[in-house]
PDB file of N, CA and C in Angstrom:
ATOM      1  N   MET A   1      93.912 131.285 104.697  1.00  0.00           N
ATOM      2  CA  MET A   1      93.706 129.891 105.011  1.00  0.00           C
ATOM      3  C   MET A   1      94.297 129.042 103.893  1.00  0.00           C
ATOM      4  N   LYS A   2      94.981 127.979 104.277  1.00  0.00           N
ATOM      5  CA  LYS A   2      95.551 127.061 103.287  1.00  0.00           C
ATOM      6  C   LYS A   2      94.490 126.087 102.808  1.00  0.00           C
ATOM      7  N   VAL A   3      94.547 125.785 101.520  1.00  0.00           N
ATOM      8  CA  VAL A   3      93.699 124.738 100.946  1.00  0.00           C
ATOM      9  C   VAL A   3      94.604 123.715 100.279  1.00  0.00           C
ATOM     10  N   PHE A   4      94.191 122.460 100.314  1.00  0.00           N
ATOM     11  CA  PHE A   4      94.965 121.339  99.794  1.00  0.00           C
ATOM     12  C   PHE A   4      94.200 120.736  98.621  1.00  0.00           C
ATOM     13  N   VAL A   5      94.770 120.835  97.436  1.00  0.00           N
ATOM     14  CA  VAL A   5      94.127 120.358  96.211  1.00  0.00           C
ATOM     15  C   VAL A   5      94.717 118.996  95.864  1.00  0.00           C
ATOM     16  N   VAL A   6      93.852 117.971  95.860  1.00  0.00           N
ATOM     17  CA  VAL A   6      94.290 116.608  95.553  1.00  0.00           C
ATOM     18  C   VAL A   6      94.063 116.342  94.075  1.00  0.00           C
ATOM     19  N   GLU A   7      95.147 116.027  93.381  1.00  0.00           N
ATOM     20  CA  GLU A   7      95.084 115.724  91.953  1.00  0.00           C
ATOM     21  C   GLU A   7      95.463 114.261  91.748  1.00  0.00           C
ATOM     22  N   MET A   8      94.636 113.541  91.002  1.00  0.00           N
ATOM     23  CA  MET A   8      94.899 112.153  90.672  1.00  0.00           C
ATOM     24  C   MET A   8      95.537 112.108  89.284  1.00  0.00           C
ATOM     25  N   LEU A   9      96.660 111.390  89.187  1.00  0.00           N
ATOM     26  CA  LEU A   9      97.439 111.326  87.952  1.00  0.00           C
ATOM     27  C   LEU A   9      97.549 109.879  87.494  1.00  0.00           C
ATOM     28  N   ARG A  10      97.242 109.644  86.236  1.00  0.00           N
ATOM     29  CA  ARG A  10      97.306 108.289  85.675  1.00  0.00           C
ATOM     30  C   ARG A  10      98.749 107.797  85.693  1.00  0.00           C
ATOM     31  N   ASN A  11      98.976 106.579  86.200  1.00  0.00           N
ATOM     32  CA  ASN A  11     100.308 105.971  86.178  1.00  0.00           C
ATOM     33  C   ASN A  11     100.665 105.576  84.756  1.00  0.00           C
ATOM     34  N   ASN A  12     101.894 105.844  84.372  1.00  0.00           N
ATOM     35  CA  ASN A  12     102.382 105.409  83.066  1.00  0.00           C
ATOM     36  C   ASN A  12     102.612 103.904  83.100  1.00  0.00           C
ATOM     37  N   PRO A  13     102.498 103.232  81.963  1.00  0.00           N
ATOM     38  CA  PRO A  13     102.818 101.800  81.926  1.00  0.00           C
ATOM     39  C   PRO A  13     104.265 101.562  82.367  1.00  0.00           C
ATOM     40  N   PRO A  14     104.545 100.423  82.980  1.00  0.00           N
ATOM     41  CA  PRO A  14     105.901 100.129  83.468  1.00  0.00           C
ATOM     42  C   PRO A  14     106.988 100.233  82.407  1.00  0.00           C
ATOM     43  N   HIS A  15     106.651  99.947  81.138  1.00  0.00           N
ATOM     44  CA  HIS A  15     107.667 100.027  80.091  1.00  0.00           C
ATOM     45  C   HIS A  15     108.032 101.481  79.770  1.00  0.00           C
ATOM     46  N   ARG A  16     107.268 102.423  80.291  1.00  0.00           N
ATOM     47  CA  ARG A  16     107.636 103.841  80.139  1.00  0.00           C
ATOM     48  C   ARG A  16     108.316 104.257  81.428  1.00  0.00           C
ATOM     49  N   THR A  17     107.738 105.194  82.174  1.00  0.00           N
ATOM     50  CA  THR A  17     108.408 105.617  83.407  1.00  0.00           C
ATOM     51  C   THR A  17     107.871 104.901  84.635  1.00  0.00           C
ATOM     52  N   GLY A  18     106.608 104.454  84.594  1.00  0.00           N
ATOM     53  CA  GLY A  18     106.005 103.806  85.750  1.00  0.00           C
ATOM     54  C   GLY A  18     105.559 104.784  86.815  1.00  0.00           C
ATOM     55  N   TYR A  19     105.709 106.086  86.566  1.00  0.00           N
ATOM     56  CA  TYR A  19     105.339 107.100  87.549  1.00  0.00           C
ATOM     57  C   TYR A  19     104.118 107.870  87.081  1.00  0.00           C
ATOM     58  N   PRO A  20     103.329 108.416  88.014  1.00  0.00           N
ATOM     59  CA  PRO A  20     102.173 109.229  87.617  1.00  0.00           C
ATOM     60  C   PRO A  20     102.607 110.425  86.772  1.00  0.00           C
ATOM     61  N   SER A  21     101.745 110.794  85.836  1.00  0.00           N
ATOM     62  CA  SER A  21     102.093 111.873  84.916  1.00  0.00           C
ATOM     63  C   SER A  21     100.844 112.625  84.477  1.00  0.00           C
ATOM     64  N   ARG A  22     100.997 113.905  84.215  1.00  0.00           N
ATOM     65  CA  ARG A  22      99.900 114.704  83.668  1.00  0.00           C
ATOM     66  C   ARG A  22      99.767 114.506  82.160  1.00  0.00           C
ATOM     67  N   GLU A  23     100.703 113.804  81.549  1.00  0.00           N
ATOM     68  CA  GLU A  23     100.645 113.591  80.103  1.00  0.00           C
ATOM     69  C   GLU A  23      99.457 112.726  79.712  1.00  0.00           C
ATOM     70  N   GLY A  24      99.064 111.839  80.593  1.00  0.00           N
ATOM     71  CA  GLY A  24      97.884 111.019  80.348  1.00  0.00           C
ATOM     72  C   GLY A  24      96.671 111.687  80.974  1.00  0.00           C
ATOM     73  N   HIS A  25      95.793 110.901  81.530  1.00  0.00           N
ATOM     74  CA  HIS A  25      94.582 111.411  82.159  1.00  0.00           C
ATOM     75  C   HIS A  25      94.868 111.839  83.586  1.00  0.00           C
ATOM     76  N   SER A  26      94.318 112.957  83.994  1.00  0.00           N
ATOM     77  CA  SER A  26      94.411 113.394  85.385  1.00  0.00           C
ATOM     78  C   SER A  26      93.132 114.144  85.746  1.00  0.00           C
ATOM     79  N   TYR A  27      92.828 114.214  87.033  1.00  0.00           N
ATOM     80  CA  TYR A  27      91.636 114.941  87.477  1.00  0.00           C
ATOM     81  C   TYR A  27      91.814 115.399  88.914  1.00  0.00           C
ATOM     82  N   VAL A  28      91.077 116.438  89.288  1.00  0.00           N
ATOM     83  CA  VAL A  28      91.096 116.932  90.655  1.00  0.00           C
ATOM     84  C   VAL A  28      90.073 116.121  91.452  1.00  0.00           C
ATOM     85  N   LEU A  29      90.548 115.490  92.512  1.00  0.00           N
ATOM     86  CA  LEU A  29      89.671 114.707  93.380  1.00  0.00           C
ATOM     87  C   LEU A  29      88.891 115.618  94.312  1.00  0.00           C
ATOM     88  N   GLY A  30      89.566 116.621  94.867  1.00  0.00           N
ATOM     89  CA  GLY A  30      88.878 117.523  95.782  1.00  0.00           C
ATOM     90  C   GLY A  30      89.790 118.586  96.328  1.00  0.00           C
ATOM     91  N   VAL A  31      89.178 119.523  97.037  1.00  0.00           N
ATOM     92  CA  VAL A  31      89.896 120.617  97.692  1.00  0.00           C
ATOM     93  C   VAL A  31      89.522 120.552  99.169  1.00  0.00           C
ATOM     94  N   TYR A  32      90.532 120.535 100.033  1.00  0.00           N
ATOM     95  CA  TYR A  32      90.327 120.332 101.463  1.00  0.00           C
ATOM     96  C   TYR A  32      91.041 121.409 102.267  1.00  0.00           C
ATOM     97  N   THR A  33      90.548 121.657 103.472  1.00  0.00           N
ATOM     98  CA  THR A  33      91.218 122.594 104.372  1.00  0.00           C
ATOM     99  C   THR A  33      92.048 121.851 105.412  1.00  0.00           C
ATOM    100  N   ASN A  34      91.967 120.531 105.418  1.00  0.00           N
ATOM    101  CA  ASN A  34      92.706 119.706 106.365  1.00  0.00           C
ATOM    102  C   ASN A  34      93.651 118.791 105.589  1.00  0.00           C
ATOM    103  N   SER A  35      94.954 118.884 105.849  1.00  0.00           N
ATOM    104  CA  SER A  35      95.935 118.102 105.080  1.00  0.00           C
ATOM    105  C   SER A  35      95.790 116.606 105.328  1.00  0.00           C
ATOM    106  N   ASN A  36      95.473 116.210 106.555  1.00  0.00           N
ATOM    107  CA  ASN A  36      95.313 114.787 106.846  1.00  0.00           C
ATOM    108  C   ASN A  36      94.130 114.198 106.091  1.00  0.00           C
ATOM    109  N   LEU A  37      93.029 114.916 106.045  1.00  0.00           N
ATOM    110  CA  LEU A  37      91.856 114.455 105.306  1.00  0.00           C
ATOM    111  C   LEU A  37      92.156 114.373 103.813  1.00  0.00           C
ATOM    112  N   ALA A  38      92.881 115.359 103.293  1.00  0.00           N
ATOM    113  CA  ALA A  38      93.249 115.342 101.875  1.00  0.00           C
ATOM    114  C   ALA A  38      94.052 114.091 101.545  1.00  0.00           C
ATOM    115  N   GLU A  39      95.027 113.761 102.398  1.00  0.00           N
ATOM    116  CA  GLU A  39      95.855 112.578 102.157  1.00  0.00           C
ATOM    117  C   GLU A  39      95.042 111.285 102.295  1.00  0.00           C
ATOM    118  N   GLN A  40      94.156 111.224 103.279  1.00  0.00           N
ATOM    119  CA  GLN A  40      93.312 110.036 103.457  1.00  0.00           C
ATOM    120  C   GLN A  40      92.428 109.805 102.234  1.00  0.00           C
ATOM    121  N   GLU A  41      91.825 110.868 101.731  1.00  0.00           N
ATOM    122  CA  GLU A  41      90.948 110.743 100.561  1.00  0.00           C
ATOM    123  C   GLU A  41      91.745 110.343  99.323  1.00  0.00           C
ATOM    124  N   ALA A  42      92.953 110.876  99.180  1.00  0.00           N
ATOM    125  CA  ALA A  42      93.810 110.513  98.046  1.00  0.00           C
ATOM    126  C   ALA A  42      94.160 109.035  98.093  1.00  0.00           C
ATOM    127  N   GLU A  43      94.508 108.541  99.271  1.00  0.00           N
ATOM    128  CA  GLU A  43      94.864 107.126  99.415  1.00  0.00           C
ATOM    129  C   GLU A  43      93.663 106.221  99.156  1.00  0.00           C
ATOM    130  N   LYS A  44      92.478 106.628  99.616  1.00  0.00           N
ATOM    131  CA  LYS A  44      91.269 105.836  99.350  1.00  0.00           C
ATOM    132  C   LYS A  44      90.980 105.759  97.859  1.00  0.00           C
ATOM    133  N   GLU A  45      91.126 106.898  97.165  1.00  0.00           N
ATOM    134  CA  GLU A  45      90.872 106.926  95.723  1.00  0.00           C
ATOM    135  C   GLU A  45      91.902 106.092  94.971  1.00  0.00           C
ATOM    136  N   GLU A  46      93.162 106.153  95.405  1.00  0.00           N
ATOM    137  CA  GLU A  46      94.208 105.347  94.775  1.00  0.00           C
ATOM    138  C   GLU A  46      93.877 103.861  94.896  1.00  0.00           C
ATOM    139  N   GLU A  47      93.416 103.451  96.066  1.00  0.00           N
ATOM    140  CA  GLU A  47      93.032 102.049  96.259  1.00  0.00           C
ATOM    141  C   GLU A  47      91.808 101.702  95.420  1.00  0.00           C
ATOM    142  N   TYR A  48      90.820 102.595  95.398  1.00  0.00           N
ATOM    143  CA  TYR A  48      89.600 102.374  94.616  1.00  0.00           C
ATOM    144  C   TYR A  48      89.920 102.218  93.127  1.00  0.00           C
ATOM    145  N   ARG A  49      90.895 102.990  92.638  1.00  0.00           N
ATOM    146  CA  ARG A  49      91.282 102.926  91.235  1.00  0.00           C
ATOM    147  C   ARG A  49      92.314 101.833  90.970  1.00  0.00           C
ATOM    148  N   ALA A  50      92.500 100.940  91.936  1.00  0.00           N
ATOM    149  CA  ALA A  50      93.371  99.755  91.805  1.00  0.00           C
ATOM    150  C   ALA A  50      94.813 100.117  91.444  1.00  0.00           C
ATOM    151  N   GLY A  51      95.301 101.237  91.965  1.00  0.00           N
ATOM    152  CA  GLY A  51      96.684 101.614  91.721  1.00  0.00           C
ATOM    153  C   GLY A  51      96.966 102.170  90.337  1.00  0.00           C
ATOM    154  N   LYS A  52      95.925 102.364  89.524  1.00  0.00           N
ATOM    155  CA  LYS A  52      96.142 102.910  88.178  1.00  0.00           C
ATOM    156  C   LYS A  52      96.425 104.406  88.217  1.00  0.00           C
ATOM    157  N   TYR A  53      96.115 105.024  89.354  1.00  0.00           N
ATOM    158  CA  TYR A  53      96.344 106.456  89.523  1.00  0.00           C
ATOM    159  C   TYR A  53      97.168 106.695  90.773  1.00  0.00           C
ATOM    160  N   GLY A  54      98.115 107.597  90.649  1.00  0.00           N
ATOM    161  CA  GLY A  54      98.842 108.098  91.801  1.00  0.00           C
ATOM    162  C   GLY A  54      98.225 109.435  92.179  1.00  0.00           C
ATOM    163  N   TRP A  55      98.752 110.087  93.192  1.00  0.00           N
ATOM    164  CA  TRP A  55      98.182 111.361  93.594  1.00  0.00           C
ATOM    165  C   TRP A  55      99.255 112.358  93.990  1.00  0.00           C
ATOM    166  N   GLU A  56      98.834 113.606  93.957  1.00  0.00           N
ATOM    167  CA  GLU A  56      99.706 114.713  94.327  1.00  0.00           C
ATOM    168  C   GLU A  56      98.840 115.733  95.056  1.00  0.00           C
ATOM    169  N   ILE A  57      99.372 116.301  96.116  1.00  0.00           N
ATOM    170  CA  ILE A  57      98.653 117.334  96.850  1.00  0.00           C
ATOM    171  C   ILE A  57      99.408 118.649  96.681  1.00  0.00           C
ATOM    172  N   ASN A  58      98.708 119.641  96.168  1.00  0.00           N
ATOM    173  CA  ASN A  58      99.263 120.984  96.007  1.00  0.00           C
ATOM    174  C   ASN A  58      98.628 121.888  97.050  1.00  0.00           C
ATOM    175  N   ILE A  59      99.440 122.739  97.666  1.00  0.00           N
ATOM    176  CA  ILE A  59      98.967 123.620  98.733  1.00  0.00           C
ATOM    177  C   ILE A  59      98.907 125.052  98.216  1.00  0.00           C
ATOM    178  N   TYR A  60      97.763 125.695  98.442  1.00  0.00           N
ATOM    179  CA  TYR A  60      97.562 127.081  98.029  1.00  0.00           C
ATOM    180  C   TYR A  60      96.982 127.875  99.190  1.00  0.00           C
ATOM    181  N   GLU A  61      97.175 129.180  99.158  1.00  0.00           N
ATOM    182  CA  GLU A  61      96.489 130.068 100.076  1.00  0.00           C
ATOM    183  C   GLU A  61      95.173 130.447  99.421  1.00  0.00           C
ATOM    184  N   GLN A  62      94.093 130.419 100.192  1.00  0.00           N
ATOM    185  CA  GLN A  62      92.793 130.798  99.656  1.00  0.00           C
ATOM    186  C   GLN A  62      92.870 132.233  99.158  1.00  0.00           C
ATOM    187  N   ASP A  63      92.311 132.473  97.984  1.00  0.00           N
ATOM    188  CA  ASP A  63      92.289 133.779  97.334  1.00  0.00           C
ATOM    189  C   ASP A  63      93.680 134.316  97.014  1.00  0.00           C
ATOM    190  N   GLU A  64      94.655 133.428  96.915  1.00  0.00           N
ATOM    191  CA  GLU A  64      96.002 133.812  96.545  1.00  0.00           C
ATOM    192  C   GLU A  64      96.049 134.187  95.069  1.00  0.00           C
ATOM    193  N   GLU A  65      96.730 135.251  94.741  1.00  0.00           N
ATOM    194  CA  GLU A  65      96.897 135.602  93.348  1.00  0.00           C
ATOM    195  C   GLU A  65      97.976 134.706  92.746  1.00  0.00           C
ATOM    196  N   LEU A  66      97.666 134.053  91.648  1.00  0.00           N
ATOM    197  CA  LEU A  66      98.630 133.170  90.993  1.00  0.00           C
ATOM    198  C   LEU A  66      99.554 133.988  90.117  1.00  0.00           C
ATOM    199  N   MET A  67     100.820 133.619  90.143  1.00  0.00           N
ATOM    200  CA  MET A  67     101.799 134.286  89.300  1.00  0.00           C
ATOM    201  C   MET A  67     101.751 133.676  87.905  1.00  0.00           C
ATOM    202  N   ALA A  68     101.747 134.498  86.887  1.00  0.00           N
ATOM    203  CA  ALA A  68     101.661 134.004  85.512  1.00  0.00           C
ATOM    204  C   ALA A  68     103.028 133.607  85.012  1.00  0.00           C
TER     205      ALA A  68
END
């Protein structure tokens, strides 16, 4: 089964790149089994955080062995 991990990434100030980055603050919003729900929740959180955070959804297989 696929799981969708929503990660919120702090936007860099415009004088830098202006794009979300893991270099600043980031956090996992949630893990979902439905891609549409994952995207809806990410967009709600982005609005709640007043655009200070962007988001990224990573897709994994449940119980998948990660390559080192």
